[in-house]
Amino acid sequence: MLTRHGIVALLAGVVAVGVGRVFAVLELFMIGTAFIAAAIFAVLFVNLRRPRITAARWIHPSVLVAGDTGRVDLNLHYLGSVRSTSFELCETVAHPGTRDHIARLPVGSLRPGARSSTGYQLPTSTRGLVHLGPLTVETRDPLGMALSCRVVADDDEVAVAPRVVLLEMPELGRGSLGNHLLNQARRLGTGDFHGLREYVDGDEPRSISWKASARSENLLVREHTVEGLRRCTIALDTSPSEYQDPAGFERGVSAAASLVHSADKAGLATRFLTASDIDLRGPQVAGNTMRLLARLEPAAGTFDQLKHDPGDGLGLLVVITGSKQSAGWKAIQSAVDPTVTALQVTTEERSSSSIGVSARTDEEFLASWRSLTGRDQVHAAAS
């Protein structure tokens, strides 16, 4: 096809030929003919010299984190029997929430059967899916009057996960959350059997040893060794009605990503679920969650999956929602196992719970979590 310069040249040639013929001006006639011939030559050149290229796209890393810069490498194979002309690779890059732009990569002349590679950087700013392609080969004539385009690679997409902050998971006896977990571990006796002691108010009824109590004047309870935290479930409330604006939901997604990544890295049995029936667990839970969160959108639902929790040992359930009185948080209260401590993270308002986390900003989430786990005291002492 003709470019804008080619169209102008062709029209100028036609006009020059017409005027030269009417007024018998041979020079003008010859100039017009040259313009027309140049346009025809340009079209023939780009169609006959169009390179036969196959291309494969390699995107790394396969999952990006918002703020990172990835790379797209293009591996080319020239199938022509004669040396190619120079050409340009063009690919549309569509980032979420921004205007599309085109990556242009010039490629020099290739000999028959040659393999080559080129690529470009892929910066990211927000989570979501970056759409790439199609990849086209553009060939131009030396005068820039004609252009030939051919698709050599189909569309592709890159998952951009939310930003992740590595958090210190709670330790028994450290911070208000750690103290709560320690008391719960002592009361429930999740470790190995250690001995018997007299019953006191607050002890779990199921820890009573009825056989030993029958031989004593007082109720006796079994004491066990104290185990640390063994499992962590992160539940993200995706109901649109729980968030005042998209920013609150995005803060919740980022908090969920950080908690899943941190719990998995700490060696806890990690589980991620949403109110829209998503339930992830297993050895690849962190990577699978990052891929999911890259494309997660608000959706209504309930946390029915929590009714079937086969986990063992002391557990932590972190519920991420918009407000303190959200429907998802209320529904979870009746489904929580006695061995599990429920912790609420609120993105729209300040938490009023002694073991709650406020996440009205990313900075507040980090500070609130550190305070809850007693890490702010450690940092203060170190400074």
Protein backbone atom coordinates (compact mmCIF):
# COMPACT_ATOMS: atom_id res chain seq x y z
CA MET A 1 0.00 0.00 0.00
CA LEU A 2 1.09 3.54 -0.65
CA THR A 3 2.15 5.77 2.23
CA ARG A 4 1.06 9.40 2.47
CA HIS A 5 4.19 10.44 0.57
CA GLY A 6 3.40 7.85 -2.09
CA ILE A 7 -0.17 9.06 -2.50
CA VAL A 8 0.99 12.67 -2.81
CA ALA A 9 3.60 11.66 -5.39
CA LEU A 10 1.06 9.66 -7.43
CA LEU A 11 -1.49 12.50 -7.40
CA ALA A 12 1.20 15.02 -8.33
CA GLY A 13 2.26 12.76 -11.20
CA VAL A 14 -1.27 12.42 -12.51
CA VAL A 15 -1.83 16.18 -12.34
CA ALA A 16 1.54 16.90 -14.01
CA VAL A 17 0.84 14.44 -16.84
CA GLY A 18 -2.63 15.91 -17.40
CA VAL A 19 -1.41 19.54 -17.42
CA GLY A 20 1.59 18.68 -19.61
CA ARG A 21 -0.62 16.95 -22.13
CA VAL A 22 -3.21 19.75 -22.26
CA PHE A 23 -0.63 22.52 -22.64
CA ALA A 24 1.86 20.40 -24.59
CA VAL A 25 4.62 20.94 -22.02
CA LEU A 26 6.91 17.95 -22.56
CA GLU A 27 9.01 18.57 -19.45
CA LEU A 28 5.95 18.62 -17.21
CA PHE A 29 4.69 15.45 -18.89
CA MET A 30 8.01 13.70 -18.24
CA ILE A 31 8.09 14.79 -14.59
CA GLY A 32 4.55 13.48 -14.02
CA THR A 33 5.44 10.18 -15.66
CA ALA A 34 8.48 9.83 -13.38
CA PHE A 35 6.34 10.39 -10.27
CA ILE A 36 3.85 7.74 -11.40
CA ALA A 37 6.62 5.30 -12.25
CA ALA A 38 8.24 5.86 -8.85
CA ALA A 39 4.96 5.05 -7.07
CA ILE A 40 4.50 1.87 -9.13
CA PHE A 41 8.12 0.84 -8.47
CA ALA A 42 7.65 1.39 -4.72
CA VAL A 43 4.57 -0.88 -4.62
CA LEU A 44 6.36 -3.61 -6.60
CA PHE A 45 9.46 -3.32 -4.39
CA VAL A 46 7.69 -3.80 -1.06
CA ASN A 47 5.64 -6.73 -2.35
CA LEU A 48 8.48 -8.56 -4.11
CA ARG A 49 11.07 -7.90 -1.40
CA ARG A 50 8.78 -8.61 1.54
CA PRO A 51 10.85 -10.89 3.84
CA ARG A 52 9.54 -14.34 4.75
CA ILE A 53 9.98 -14.27 8.51
CA THR A 54 8.80 -16.54 11.33
CA ALA A 55 8.93 -15.11 14.84
CA ALA A 56 8.61 -16.48 18.36
CA ARG A 57 7.97 -14.25 21.35
CA TRP A 58 9.66 -14.95 24.71
CA ILE A 59 8.45 -12.93 27.70
CA HIS A 60 10.44 -13.03 30.92
CA PRO A 61 9.72 -13.22 33.70
CA SER A 62 6.40 -14.92 32.96
CA VAL A 63 4.76 -13.02 35.84
CA LEU A 64 5.76 -9.44 36.54
CA VAL A 65 5.18 -7.44 39.70
CA ALA A 66 3.85 -3.89 39.38
CA GLY A 67 6.81 -1.53 39.23
CA ASP A 68 9.14 -4.12 37.70
CA THR A 69 10.54 -3.99 34.18
CA GLY A 70 10.32 -7.15 32.12
CA ARG A 71 11.64 -7.92 28.67
CA VAL A 72 10.14 -9.23 25.47
CA ASP A 73 12.61 -11.09 23.24
CA LEU A 74 11.73 -11.85 19.63
CA ASN A 75 13.50 -14.79 17.94
CA LEU A 76 13.46 -14.50 14.14
CA HIS A 77 14.08 -17.02 11.37
CA TYR A 78 14.48 -15.77 7.78
CA LEU A 79 13.16 -18.31 5.24
CA GLY A 80 13.97 -16.45 2.00
CA SER A 81 16.39 -17.74 -0.67
CA VAL A 82 18.03 -14.34 -1.32
CA ARG A 83 19.35 -11.75 1.09
CA SER A 84 16.55 -9.69 2.60
CA THR A 85 16.16 -5.96 2.62
CA SER A 86 16.07 -4.09 5.93
CA PHE A 87 12.70 -4.10 7.68
CA GLU A 88 10.99 -3.07 10.91
CA LEU A 89 9.14 -5.12 13.53
CA CYS A 90 6.11 -3.40 15.06
CA GLU A 91 4.09 -4.52 18.05
CA THR A 92 1.24 -2.85 19.92
CA VAL A 93 1.67 -2.80 23.72
CA ALA A 94 -1.51 -2.14 25.73
CA HIS A 95 -0.95 -1.46 29.44
CA PRO A 96 -3.95 -1.44 31.83
CA GLY A 97 -5.19 2.07 32.48
CA THR A 98 -2.85 3.76 29.97
CA ARG A 99 -2.80 4.55 26.28
CA ASP A 100 -1.50 1.96 23.86
CA HIS A 101 1.92 2.46 22.32
CA ILE A 102 3.82 0.72 19.54
CA ALA A 103 7.24 -0.85 19.99
CA ARG A 104 9.30 -0.42 16.79
CA LEU A 105 12.43 -2.51 16.27
CA PRO A 106 14.56 -2.02 13.12
CA VAL A 107 16.21 -5.17 11.75
CA GLY A 108 19.08 -5.13 9.25
CA SER A 109 19.46 -7.23 6.11
CA LEU A 110 19.47 -11.02 6.74
CA ARG A 111 21.16 -13.72 4.69
CA PRO A 112 19.16 -16.82 3.60
CA GLY A 113 18.30 -19.10 6.53
CA ALA A 114 19.68 -16.66 9.09
CA ARG A 115 18.41 -16.56 12.67
CA SER A 116 18.35 -13.35 14.64
CA SER A 117 16.89 -11.90 17.79
CA THR A 118 15.86 -8.53 19.11
CA GLY A 119 13.66 -7.26 21.90
CA TYR A 120 12.42 -4.42 24.03
CA GLN A 121 11.86 -3.62 27.71
CA LEU A 122 8.41 -3.83 29.24
CA PRO A 123 7.97 -1.43 32.20
CA THR A 124 4.91 -1.82 34.44
CA SER A 125 3.19 0.50 36.88
CA THR A 126 -0.10 -1.17 37.89
CA ARG A 127 -1.33 -4.73 38.16
CA GLY A 128 -3.39 -6.24 35.37
CA LEU A 129 -2.88 -7.81 31.97
CA VAL A 130 -0.56 -6.25 29.40
CA HIS A 131 -1.70 -7.18 25.90
CA LEU A 132 0.95 -7.59 23.21
CA GLY A 133 0.59 -7.88 19.46
CA PRO A 134 0.01 -8.75 16.86
CA LEU A 135 3.66 -8.61 15.76
CA THR A 136 4.00 -7.35 12.19
CA VAL A 137 6.86 -6.99 9.72
CA GLU A 138 6.86 -3.64 7.90
CA THR A 139 8.82 -3.26 4.68
CA ARG A 140 9.36 0.12 3.02
CA ASP A 141 10.89 1.09 -0.28
CA PRO A 142 14.03 3.29 -0.30
CA LEU A 143 11.96 6.41 -1.02
CA GLY A 144 9.36 5.71 1.66
CA MET A 145 6.48 5.78 -0.82
CA ALA A 146 5.01 2.32 -0.12
CA LEU A 147 4.58 0.07 2.88
CA SER A 148 3.92 -3.66 3.21
CA CYS A 149 2.70 -5.18 6.51
CA ARG A 150 2.47 -8.87 7.41
CA VAL A 151 1.56 -10.48 10.74
CA VAL A 152 4.24 -12.92 11.94
CA ALA A 153 3.12 -13.55 15.56
CA ASP A 154 -0.32 -13.53 17.18
CA ASP A 155 -1.46 -11.68 20.28
CA ASP A 156 -0.08 -12.51 23.71
CA GLU A 157 -0.51 -11.22 27.24
CA VAL A 158 1.64 -10.69 30.32
CA ALA A 159 0.28 -10.96 33.87
CA VAL A 160 1.35 -8.11 36.14
CA ALA A 161 0.84 -9.06 39.78
CA PRO A 162 0.35 -6.47 42.56
CA ARG A 163 3.31 -5.13 44.52
CA VAL A 164 4.52 -7.46 47.25
CA VAL A 165 6.06 -6.54 50.62
CA LEU A 166 7.78 -9.28 52.62
CA LEU A 167 6.12 -9.32 56.05
CA GLU A 168 7.35 -10.93 59.26
CA MET A 169 4.83 -13.59 60.25
CA PRO A 170 3.70 -13.63 63.92
CA GLU A 171 5.73 -15.46 66.56
CA LEU A 172 4.18 -16.78 69.75
CA GLY A 173 4.67 -14.32 72.62
CA ARG A 174 5.71 -11.35 70.45
CA GLY A 175 3.30 -8.45 69.98
CA SER A 176 -0.42 -8.48 70.69
CA LEU A 177 -1.06 -11.08 67.96
CA GLY A 178 1.76 -13.31 69.19
CA ASN A 179 0.48 -13.13 72.77
CA HIS A 180 -3.02 -14.02 71.62
CA LEU A 181 -1.70 -17.01 69.68
CA LEU A 182 0.38 -18.15 72.64
CA ASN A 183 -2.63 -18.07 74.98
CA GLN A 184 -4.70 -19.94 72.43
CA ALA A 185 -2.01 -22.58 71.97
CA ARG A 186 -1.82 -23.15 75.72
CA ARG A 187 -5.58 -23.34 76.04
CA LEU A 188 -6.17 -25.67 73.10
CA GLY A 189 -3.13 -27.88 73.58
CA THR A 190 -2.16 -28.29 69.93
CA GLY A 191 1.25 -29.85 70.75
CA ASP A 192 2.34 -33.15 72.31
CA PHE A 193 0.91 -34.25 75.69
CA HIS A 194 2.93 -32.86 78.61
CA GLY A 195 0.91 -33.45 81.82
CA LEU A 196 -2.24 -32.65 83.78
CA ARG A 197 -3.28 -29.58 85.77
CA GLU A 198 -6.42 -28.25 87.43
CA TYR A 199 -9.07 -26.64 85.27
CA VAL A 200 -9.30 -22.81 85.28
CA ASP A 201 -11.80 -20.48 83.67
CA GLY A 202 -11.08 -20.04 79.98
CA ASP A 203 -9.75 -23.57 79.36
CA GLU A 204 -11.17 -25.33 76.32
CA PRO A 205 -13.77 -27.92 77.53
CA ARG A 206 -12.46 -30.49 75.09
CA SER A 207 -9.07 -30.40 76.87
CA ILE A 208 -10.61 -31.84 80.06
CA SER A 209 -9.45 -35.34 80.90
CA TRP A 210 -12.64 -36.94 82.20
CA LYS A 211 -10.93 -40.19 83.12
CA ALA A 212 -8.33 -38.42 85.28
CA SER A 213 -10.94 -36.05 86.71
CA ALA A 214 -13.02 -39.02 87.90
CA ARG A 215 -10.16 -40.05 90.15
CA SER A 216 -9.69 -36.51 91.51
CA GLU A 217 -11.74 -34.02 93.48
CA ASN A 218 -11.21 -31.33 90.77
CA LEU A 219 -11.51 -31.18 87.04
CA LEU A 220 -8.19 -31.85 85.33
CA VAL A 221 -7.11 -30.69 81.90
CA ARG A 222 -4.41 -32.06 79.67
CA GLU A 223 -1.39 -29.80 79.16
CA HIS A 224 0.51 -29.97 75.92
CA THR A 225 3.73 -28.51 74.63
CA VAL A 226 3.19 -25.20 72.87
CA GLU A 227 3.48 -25.28 69.08
CA GLY A 228 4.00 -22.26 66.90
CA LEU A 229 1.84 -21.11 64.04
CA ARG A 230 1.54 -23.87 61.42
CA ARG A 231 -0.95 -22.63 58.85
CA CYS A 232 -2.25 -19.37 57.45
CA THR A 233 -5.34 -18.72 55.34
CA ILE A 234 -5.77 -15.42 53.52
CA ALA A 235 -9.36 -14.62 52.52
CA LEU A 236 -9.98 -11.67 50.20
CA ASP A 237 -13.48 -10.20 50.14
CA THR A 238 -14.12 -9.38 46.48
CA SER A 239 -17.68 -8.08 46.92
CA PRO A 240 -17.93 -4.69 45.11
CA SER A 241 -20.34 -3.35 47.75
CA GLU A 242 -17.63 -3.56 50.44
CA TYR A 243 -15.34 -1.00 48.77
CA GLN A 244 -16.05 2.67 48.33
CA ASP A 245 -13.78 3.05 45.31
CA PRO A 246 -11.42 0.92 43.18
CA ALA A 247 -8.41 2.12 45.19
CA GLY A 248 -9.69 0.33 48.29
CA PHE A 249 -10.01 -2.93 46.39
CA GLU A 250 -6.51 -2.52 44.95
CA ARG A 251 -5.09 -2.03 48.46
CA GLY A 252 -6.82 -5.24 49.48
CA VAL A 253 -5.32 -7.10 46.53
CA SER A 254 -1.83 -5.83 47.38
CA ALA A 255 -2.26 -6.83 51.03
CA ALA A 256 -3.39 -10.31 49.99
CA ALA A 257 -0.39 -10.71 47.69
CA SER A 258 2.03 -9.70 50.46
CA LEU A 259 0.46 -12.00 53.03
CA VAL A 260 0.37 -15.05 50.75
CA HIS A 261 3.95 -14.52 49.64
CA SER A 262 5.17 -13.96 53.22
CA ALA A 263 3.28 -16.91 54.73
CA ASP A 264 4.52 -19.27 52.04
CA LYS A 265 8.09 -18.04 52.41
CA ALA A 266 7.87 -18.54 56.19
CA GLY A 267 7.08 -22.22 55.62
CA LEU A 268 3.45 -22.08 56.76
CA ALA A 269 0.77 -24.21 55.13
CA THR A 270 -0.69 -21.38 53.06
CA ARG A 271 -4.15 -21.12 51.56
CA PHE A 272 -5.73 -18.30 49.55
CA LEU A 273 -9.42 -17.93 48.87
CA THR A 274 -11.88 -15.29 47.77
CA ALA A 275 -15.58 -14.69 48.23
CA SER A 276 -16.02 -15.62 44.54
CA ASP A 277 -15.28 -19.35 45.13
CA ILE A 278 -11.54 -19.28 44.39
CA ASP A 279 -9.56 -21.63 46.64
CA LEU A 280 -5.81 -22.10 46.16
CA ARG A 281 -3.39 -24.16 48.22
CA GLY A 282 -0.46 -26.52 47.78
CA PRO A 283 3.27 -26.14 47.05
CA GLN A 284 2.68 -23.67 44.20
CA VAL A 285 0.17 -21.50 46.07
CA ALA A 286 2.31 -18.33 46.00
CA GLY A 287 2.95 -18.38 42.24
CA ASN A 288 -0.62 -19.40 41.41
CA THR A 289 -2.00 -16.64 43.64
CA MET A 290 0.18 -14.01 41.97
CA ARG A 291 -1.10 -15.08 38.55
CA LEU A 292 -4.67 -14.98 39.78
CA LEU A 293 -4.36 -11.58 41.46
CA ALA A 294 -2.97 -10.09 38.24
CA ARG A 295 -6.40 -10.46 36.63
CA LEU A 296 -8.76 -10.55 39.63
CA GLU A 297 -11.82 -8.29 39.43
CA PRO A 298 -14.49 -7.53 42.06
CA ALA A 299 -17.20 -10.19 42.22
CA ALA A 300 -19.94 -10.98 44.73
CA GLY A 301 -19.92 -14.23 46.69
CA THR A 302 -19.53 -15.91 50.06
CA PHE A 303 -16.75 -17.78 51.89
CA ASP A 304 -18.41 -21.19 51.78
CA GLN A 305 -15.00 -22.86 51.33
CA LEU A 306 -14.15 -22.16 54.99
CA LYS A 307 -16.71 -24.72 56.14
CA HIS A 308 -14.32 -27.42 54.95
CA ASP A 309 -10.90 -26.66 56.44
CA PRO A 310 -8.84 -29.85 56.86
CA GLY A 311 -5.82 -28.07 58.36
CA ASP A 312 -4.05 -29.21 61.52
CA GLY A 313 -2.30 -27.23 64.23
CA LEU A 314 -2.54 -23.60 65.24
CA GLY A 315 -3.88 -21.48 62.40
CA LEU A 316 -4.31 -17.83 61.42
CA LEU A 317 -7.15 -16.61 59.21
CA VAL A 318 -6.60 -13.14 57.72
CA VAL A 319 -9.77 -11.64 56.24
CA ILE A 320 -9.21 -8.66 53.94
CA THR A 321 -12.29 -6.53 53.39
CA GLY A 322 -13.43 -2.94 53.15
CA SER A 323 -15.16 -2.22 56.45
CA LYS A 324 -15.30 -3.61 60.00
CA GLN A 325 -18.95 -4.60 59.59
CA SER A 326 -18.72 -6.25 56.20
CA ALA A 327 -21.03 -9.17 55.45
CA GLY A 328 -18.10 -11.41 54.62
CA TRP A 329 -16.47 -10.82 58.01
CA LYS A 330 -19.72 -11.54 59.86
CA ALA A 331 -20.28 -14.75 57.92
CA ILE A 332 -16.79 -16.01 58.72
CA GLN A 333 -17.28 -15.76 62.49
CA SER A 334 -19.55 -18.82 62.51
CA ALA A 335 -17.24 -20.86 60.29
CA VAL A 336 -13.95 -20.37 62.15
CA ASP A 337 -12.45 -23.48 63.75
CA PRO A 338 -11.46 -23.15 67.46
CA THR A 339 -7.80 -23.64 66.52
CA VAL A 340 -7.90 -20.65 64.17
CA THR A 341 -7.44 -16.99 65.08
CA ALA A 342 -9.42 -14.66 62.81
CA LEU A 343 -7.75 -11.35 61.97
CA GLN A 344 -9.42 -8.56 60.01
CA VAL A 345 -7.67 -6.20 57.57
CA THR A 346 -9.80 -3.19 56.61
CA THR A 347 -8.93 -1.00 53.62
CA GLU A 348 -11.66 1.66 53.93
CA GLU A 349 -11.62 2.48 57.66
CA ARG A 350 -9.44 2.19 60.72
CA SER A 351 -9.63 -1.13 62.53
CA SER A 352 -10.87 -0.93 66.13
CA SER A 353 -9.90 -4.49 67.08
CA SER A 354 -6.92 -5.22 69.32
CA ILE A 355 -5.70 -7.69 66.71
CA GLY A 356 -6.95 -5.88 63.62
CA VAL A 357 -4.97 -4.24 60.83
CA SER A 358 -5.76 -0.92 59.13
CA ALA A 359 -4.86 -0.60 55.45
CA ARG A 360 -6.26 2.75 54.33
CA THR A 361 -2.87 3.29 52.68
CA ASP A 362 -0.05 0.91 51.83
CA GLU A 363 2.13 2.61 54.43
CA GLU A 364 -0.53 2.24 57.12
CA PHE A 365 -0.91 -1.47 56.33
CA LEU A 366 2.81 -2.08 56.77
CA ALA A 367 3.02 -0.04 59.99
CA SER A 368 -0.13 -1.62 61.43
CA TRP A 369 1.10 -5.14 60.69
CA ARG A 370 4.49 -4.46 62.25
CA SER A 371 2.83 -3.06 65.35
CA LEU A 372 0.53 -6.08 65.64
CA THR A 373 3.41 -8.55 65.39
CA GLY A 374 5.73 -6.55 67.68
CA ARG A 375 8.21 -5.77 64.91
CA ASP A 376 8.00 -2.01 65.38
CA GLN A 377 9.44 -2.43 68.88
CA VAL A 378 12.34 -4.41 67.46
CA HIS A 379 13.10 -1.72 64.89
CA ALA A 380 12.81 1.03 67.49
CA ALA A 381 15.24 -0.77 69.80
CA ALA A 382 17.68 -1.32 66.95
CA SER A 383 17.66 2.35 66.03
